Amino acid sequence: MVAAGTPDDLKQQVSGDAVRLALTTPADAPATTKIIQGLEGATAVETDATTVTFRIPRGGAILPGLLRSIDAQGIELSGVEVHRPTLDDVFLTMTGRSLRDENPPAKEVAA
């Protein structure tokens, strides 16, 4: 046994949900990043030309307020994605290997 708890409790141990914001205007990335950095629990904020991604506990719950803050700054988004971790993500985080990894075949011992 690696860990115990409900699936939701275990999934919260994997750095929260991954949120990806697709920006209409690349110049809005710094302002968007600043808004996200003000969110309690936001981690792993990464920005490229047209997207800002980050992890946060309960991404779906923070989304309405985040979108209001982004809109108040005049920032337009072309898309939003929230990805919840899977139980395979939990297992990988805790053990360093996937549930799909096969066990190595048993070696035969010659008598």
N, C-alpha and C. Protein backbone atom coordinates (compact mmCIF):
# COMPACT_ATOMS: atom_id res chain seq x y z
N MET A 1 0.85 -1.17 0.00
CA MET A 1 0.00 0.00 0.00
C MET A 1 0.89 1.23 0.00
N VAL A 2 0.57 2.16 -0.87
CA VAL A 2 1.36 3.38 -1.01
C VAL A 2 0.75 4.53 -0.21
N ALA A 3 -0.59 4.66 -0.25
CA ALA A 3 -1.28 5.73 0.47
C ALA A 3 -2.73 5.33 0.67
N ALA A 4 -3.39 5.99 1.60
CA ALA A 4 -4.80 5.71 1.86
C ALA A 4 -5.57 7.02 1.85
N GLY A 5 -6.82 6.93 1.46
CA GLY A 5 -7.69 8.10 1.44
C GLY A 5 -8.66 8.00 0.29
N THR A 6 -9.56 8.96 0.23
CA THR A 6 -10.50 8.99 -0.88
C THR A 6 -9.76 9.41 -2.14
N PRO A 7 -10.30 9.08 -3.31
CA PRO A 7 -9.64 9.52 -4.54
C PRO A 7 -9.40 11.03 -4.57
N ASP A 8 -10.39 11.84 -4.15
CA ASP A 8 -10.21 13.29 -4.16
C ASP A 8 -9.12 13.74 -3.20
N ASP A 9 -9.04 13.12 -2.01
CA ASP A 9 -7.98 13.47 -1.05
C ASP A 9 -6.61 13.14 -1.63
N LEU A 10 -6.49 11.98 -2.26
CA LEU A 10 -5.21 11.59 -2.84
C LEU A 10 -4.82 12.51 -3.99
N LYS A 11 -5.79 12.88 -4.81
CA LYS A 11 -5.50 13.76 -5.95
C LYS A 11 -5.04 15.14 -5.50
N GLN A 12 -5.52 15.62 -4.35
CA GLN A 12 -5.09 16.92 -3.85
C GLN A 12 -3.63 16.91 -3.41
N GLN A 13 -3.06 15.73 -3.20
CA GLN A 13 -1.66 15.62 -2.80
C GLN A 13 -0.72 15.81 -3.99
N VAL A 14 -1.26 15.90 -5.20
CA VAL A 14 -0.43 16.02 -6.41
C VAL A 14 -0.44 17.47 -6.89
N SER A 15 -0.10 18.38 -6.05
CA SER A 15 0.07 19.78 -6.40
C SER A 15 -1.17 20.42 -6.99
N GLY A 16 -2.33 19.89 -6.77
CA GLY A 16 -3.55 20.53 -7.23
C GLY A 16 -3.85 20.31 -8.70
N ASP A 17 -4.78 21.10 -9.20
CA ASP A 17 -5.22 21.00 -10.59
C ASP A 17 -4.30 21.83 -11.48
N ALA A 18 -4.15 21.40 -12.72
CA ALA A 18 -3.38 22.16 -13.71
C ALA A 18 -4.38 23.04 -14.47
N VAL A 19 -4.09 24.35 -14.51
CA VAL A 19 -4.94 25.30 -15.22
C VAL A 19 -4.13 25.92 -16.34
N ARG A 20 -4.73 25.98 -17.53
CA ARG A 20 -4.06 26.57 -18.69
C ARG A 20 -4.95 27.67 -19.24
N LEU A 21 -4.40 28.88 -19.33
CA LEU A 21 -5.12 30.02 -19.89
C LEU A 21 -4.49 30.36 -21.24
N ALA A 22 -5.30 30.37 -22.29
CA ALA A 22 -4.83 30.75 -23.63
C ALA A 22 -5.14 32.23 -23.82
N LEU A 23 -4.10 33.01 -24.10
CA LEU A 23 -4.25 34.46 -24.23
C LEU A 23 -4.49 34.85 -25.68
N THR A 24 -5.35 35.85 -25.89
CA THR A 24 -5.57 36.38 -27.23
C THR A 24 -4.40 37.26 -27.64
N THR A 25 -3.84 38.00 -26.69
CA THR A 25 -2.75 38.93 -26.95
C THR A 25 -1.52 38.53 -26.12
N PRO A 26 -0.43 38.12 -26.78
CA PRO A 26 0.77 37.71 -26.03
C PRO A 26 1.28 38.76 -25.04
N ALA A 27 1.08 40.04 -25.33
CA ALA A 27 1.55 41.10 -24.43
C ALA A 27 0.85 41.08 -23.08
N ASP A 28 -0.26 40.34 -22.96
CA ASP A 28 -0.99 40.26 -21.69
C ASP A 28 -0.41 39.22 -20.73
N ALA A 29 0.58 38.46 -21.15
CA ALA A 29 1.14 37.40 -20.31
C ALA A 29 1.68 37.91 -18.98
N PRO A 30 2.46 39.00 -18.94
CA PRO A 30 2.98 39.47 -17.64
C PRO A 30 1.86 39.87 -16.66
N ALA A 31 0.84 40.57 -17.14
CA ALA A 31 -0.26 40.98 -16.26
C ALA A 31 -1.05 39.77 -15.77
N THR A 32 -1.25 38.79 -16.65
CA THR A 32 -1.96 37.57 -16.27
C THR A 32 -1.16 36.81 -15.22
N THR A 33 0.14 36.70 -15.42
CA THR A 33 1.01 36.01 -14.47
C THR A 33 0.95 36.69 -13.10
N LYS A 34 0.94 38.00 -13.08
CA LYS A 34 0.88 38.74 -11.81
C LYS A 34 -0.42 38.43 -11.06
N ILE A 35 -1.54 38.36 -11.79
CA ILE A 35 -2.82 38.03 -11.16
C ILE A 35 -2.76 36.63 -10.55
N ILE A 36 -2.20 35.68 -11.29
CA ILE A 36 -2.13 34.30 -10.82
C ILE A 36 -1.22 34.19 -9.60
N GLN A 37 -0.11 34.90 -9.61
CA GLN A 37 0.80 34.85 -8.47
C GLN A 37 0.15 35.38 -7.19
N GLY A 38 -0.92 36.14 -7.32
CA GLY A 38 -1.65 36.64 -6.16
C GLY A 38 -2.66 35.65 -5.61
N LEU A 39 -2.85 34.53 -6.30
CA LEU A 39 -3.79 33.51 -5.84
C LEU A 39 -3.15 32.63 -4.77
N GLU A 40 -3.84 32.42 -3.68
CA GLU A 40 -3.32 31.56 -2.62
C GLU A 40 -3.20 30.12 -3.12
N GLY A 41 -2.02 29.56 -2.99
CA GLY A 41 -1.78 28.18 -3.37
C GLY A 41 -1.33 27.97 -4.80
N ALA A 42 -1.25 29.03 -5.61
CA ALA A 42 -0.81 28.88 -7.00
C ALA A 42 0.69 28.56 -7.04
N THR A 43 1.04 27.55 -7.82
CA THR A 43 2.44 27.15 -7.96
C THR A 43 2.75 26.84 -9.41
N ALA A 44 4.01 26.69 -9.71
CA ALA A 44 4.49 26.27 -11.03
C ALA A 44 3.91 27.13 -12.14
N VAL A 45 3.95 28.45 -11.96
CA VAL A 45 3.43 29.36 -12.99
C VAL A 45 4.43 29.41 -14.13
N GLU A 46 3.96 29.05 -15.33
CA GLU A 46 4.81 29.07 -16.52
C GLU A 46 4.11 29.87 -17.61
N THR A 47 4.90 30.64 -18.35
CA THR A 47 4.34 31.49 -19.39
C THR A 47 5.12 31.28 -20.67
N ASP A 48 4.38 31.17 -21.80
CA ASP A 48 5.04 31.25 -23.10
C ASP A 48 4.31 32.33 -23.89
N ALA A 49 4.50 32.41 -25.17
CA ALA A 49 3.96 33.51 -25.97
C ALA A 49 2.44 33.68 -25.82
N THR A 50 1.70 32.59 -25.78
CA THR A 50 0.24 32.74 -25.78
C THR A 50 -0.47 31.96 -24.68
N THR A 51 0.27 31.37 -23.75
CA THR A 51 -0.39 30.62 -22.67
C THR A 51 0.27 30.89 -21.33
N VAL A 52 -0.55 30.79 -20.29
CA VAL A 52 -0.05 30.83 -18.91
C VAL A 52 -0.62 29.57 -18.25
N THR A 53 0.25 28.76 -17.68
CA THR A 53 -0.19 27.55 -16.99
C THR A 53 0.29 27.59 -15.55
N PHE A 54 -0.49 26.96 -14.68
CA PHE A 54 -0.12 26.92 -13.26
C PHE A 54 -0.88 25.79 -12.59
N ARG A 55 -0.48 25.48 -11.37
CA ARG A 55 -1.17 24.49 -10.54
C ARG A 55 -1.76 25.19 -9.34
N ILE A 56 -2.94 24.72 -8.95
CA ILE A 56 -3.61 25.31 -7.78
C ILE A 56 -4.60 24.29 -7.23
N PRO A 57 -4.73 24.21 -5.91
CA PRO A 57 -5.74 23.33 -5.34
C PRO A 57 -7.14 23.78 -5.78
N ARG A 58 -7.97 22.84 -6.12
CA ARG A 58 -9.37 23.10 -6.50
C ARG A 58 -9.50 24.18 -7.56
N GLY A 59 -8.90 23.93 -8.71
CA GLY A 59 -8.89 24.89 -9.82
C GLY A 59 -10.26 25.34 -10.25
N GLY A 60 -11.23 24.43 -10.26
CA GLY A 60 -12.58 24.80 -10.66
C GLY A 60 -13.21 25.82 -9.73
N ALA A 61 -12.87 25.78 -8.45
CA ALA A 61 -13.45 26.70 -7.48
C ALA A 61 -12.89 28.12 -7.61
N ILE A 62 -11.62 28.25 -8.00
CA ILE A 62 -11.02 29.58 -8.11
C ILE A 62 -11.31 30.23 -9.46
N LEU A 63 -11.74 29.42 -10.42
CA LEU A 63 -11.90 29.91 -11.79
C LEU A 63 -12.84 31.11 -11.94
N PRO A 64 -14.03 31.13 -11.34
CA PRO A 64 -14.90 32.31 -11.52
C PRO A 64 -14.25 33.62 -11.07
N GLY A 65 -13.63 33.63 -9.89
CA GLY A 65 -12.97 34.84 -9.41
C GLY A 65 -11.77 35.22 -10.26
N LEU A 66 -11.01 34.21 -10.69
CA LEU A 66 -9.85 34.47 -11.54
C LEU A 66 -10.29 35.11 -12.86
N LEU A 67 -11.33 34.57 -13.47
CA LEU A 67 -11.80 35.12 -14.74
C LEU A 67 -12.32 36.54 -14.58
N ARG A 68 -12.97 36.83 -13.44
CA ARG A 68 -13.42 38.21 -13.19
C ARG A 68 -12.22 39.15 -13.07
N SER A 69 -11.17 38.72 -12.36
CA SER A 69 -9.97 39.55 -12.20
C SER A 69 -9.28 39.80 -13.53
N ILE A 70 -9.20 38.77 -14.35
CA ILE A 70 -8.57 38.90 -15.67
C ILE A 70 -9.38 39.85 -16.54
N ASP A 71 -10.70 39.70 -16.53
CA ASP A 71 -11.57 40.57 -17.33
C ASP A 71 -11.48 42.02 -16.86
N ALA A 72 -11.39 42.24 -15.54
CA ALA A 72 -11.29 43.59 -14.99
C ALA A 72 -10.02 44.30 -15.47
N GLN A 73 -9.00 43.54 -15.82
CA GLN A 73 -7.75 44.11 -16.33
C GLN A 73 -7.79 44.31 -17.85
N GLY A 74 -8.91 43.94 -18.47
CA GLY A 74 -9.04 44.10 -19.92
C GLY A 74 -8.31 43.03 -20.72
N ILE A 75 -8.00 41.93 -20.07
CA ILE A 75 -7.28 40.83 -20.73
C ILE A 75 -8.30 39.88 -21.35
N GLU A 76 -8.09 39.55 -22.63
CA GLU A 76 -8.98 38.62 -23.32
C GLU A 76 -8.33 37.25 -23.40
N LEU A 77 -9.14 36.24 -23.13
CA LEU A 77 -8.67 34.86 -23.23
C LEU A 77 -9.34 34.19 -24.43
N SER A 78 -8.60 33.29 -25.08
CA SER A 78 -9.19 32.52 -26.18
C SER A 78 -9.55 31.11 -25.72
N GLY A 79 -9.16 30.76 -24.50
CA GLY A 79 -9.51 29.45 -23.97
C GLY A 79 -9.04 29.25 -22.55
N VAL A 80 -9.70 28.33 -21.85
CA VAL A 80 -9.36 27.98 -20.47
C VAL A 80 -9.50 26.47 -20.33
N GLU A 81 -8.53 25.83 -19.70
CA GLU A 81 -8.60 24.39 -19.43
C GLU A 81 -8.23 24.13 -17.98
N VAL A 82 -8.95 23.22 -17.33
CA VAL A 82 -8.63 22.79 -15.98
C VAL A 82 -8.51 21.27 -16.03
N HIS A 83 -7.36 20.76 -15.62
CA HIS A 83 -7.12 19.31 -15.61
C HIS A 83 -6.91 18.83 -14.19
N ARG A 84 -7.79 17.94 -13.75
CA ARG A 84 -7.64 17.33 -12.43
C ARG A 84 -6.65 16.19 -12.53
N PRO A 85 -5.83 15.98 -11.51
CA PRO A 85 -4.91 14.84 -11.55
C PRO A 85 -5.68 13.53 -11.53
N THR A 86 -5.09 12.51 -12.11
CA THR A 86 -5.68 11.17 -12.10
C THR A 86 -5.06 10.36 -10.97
N LEU A 87 -5.64 9.23 -10.67
CA LEU A 87 -5.04 8.35 -9.67
C LEU A 87 -3.68 7.84 -10.14
N ASP A 88 -3.50 7.72 -11.46
CA ASP A 88 -2.19 7.34 -11.99
C ASP A 88 -1.16 8.44 -11.69
N ASP A 89 -1.58 9.72 -11.78
CA ASP A 89 -0.69 10.83 -11.41
C ASP A 89 -0.28 10.74 -9.95
N VAL A 90 -1.24 10.39 -9.08
CA VAL A 90 -0.95 10.23 -7.66
C VAL A 90 0.07 9.13 -7.45
N PHE A 91 -0.15 7.98 -8.07
CA PHE A 91 0.76 6.85 -7.92
C PHE A 91 2.15 7.21 -8.44
N LEU A 92 2.22 7.88 -9.59
CA LEU A 92 3.50 8.28 -10.16
C LEU A 92 4.24 9.23 -9.22
N THR A 93 3.52 10.19 -8.64
CA THR A 93 4.14 11.14 -7.71
C THR A 93 4.68 10.44 -6.47
N MET A 94 3.94 9.46 -5.96
CA MET A 94 4.34 8.81 -4.72
C MET A 94 5.38 7.71 -4.90
N THR A 95 5.40 7.10 -6.07
CA THR A 95 6.31 5.96 -6.25
C THR A 95 7.38 6.18 -7.30
N GLY A 96 7.18 7.17 -8.17
CA GLY A 96 8.14 7.39 -9.25
C GLY A 96 7.91 6.50 -10.46
N ARG A 97 6.82 5.74 -10.45
CA ARG A 97 6.52 4.91 -11.62
C ARG A 97 5.02 4.90 -11.85
N SER A 98 4.64 4.59 -13.07
CA SER A 98 3.24 4.60 -13.47
C SER A 98 2.57 3.29 -13.09
N LEU A 99 1.25 3.34 -12.91
CA LEU A 99 0.49 2.12 -12.68
C LEU A 99 0.59 1.20 -13.89
N ARG A 100 0.84 1.77 -15.06
CA ARG A 100 0.92 0.99 -16.28
C ARG A 100 2.28 0.32 -16.48
N ASP A 101 3.28 0.74 -15.69
CA ASP A 101 4.59 0.10 -15.79
C ASP A 101 4.45 -1.37 -15.44
N GLU A 102 5.01 -2.18 -16.29
CA GLU A 102 4.94 -3.62 -16.01
C GLU A 102 6.02 -4.01 -15.02
N ASN A 103 5.70 -5.00 -14.21
CA ASN A 103 6.72 -5.53 -13.33
C ASN A 103 7.74 -6.27 -14.18
N PRO A 104 9.01 -6.18 -13.87
CA PRO A 104 9.98 -6.91 -14.66
C PRO A 104 9.71 -8.40 -14.54
N PRO A 105 9.93 -9.14 -15.62
CA PRO A 105 9.66 -10.58 -15.55
C PRO A 105 10.56 -11.25 -14.52
N ALA A 106 10.02 -12.25 -13.87
CA ALA A 106 10.81 -12.98 -12.88
C ALA A 106 11.93 -13.73 -13.56
N LYS A 107 13.08 -13.72 -12.93
CA LYS A 107 14.23 -14.44 -13.50
C LYS A 107 14.15 -15.89 -13.07
N GLU A 108 14.44 -16.74 -14.02
CA GLU A 108 14.45 -18.16 -13.70
C GLU A 108 15.81 -18.50 -13.10
N VAL A 109 15.74 -19.37 -12.14
CA VAL A 109 16.98 -19.82 -11.48
C VAL A 109 17.22 -21.26 -11.93
N ALA A 110 18.41 -21.47 -12.46
CA ALA A 110 18.74 -22.84 -12.90
C ALA A 110 19.08 -23.68 -11.70
N ALA A 111 18.64 -24.90 -11.73
CA ALA A 111 18.89 -25.81 -10.61
C ALA A 111 20.11 -26.64 -10.86
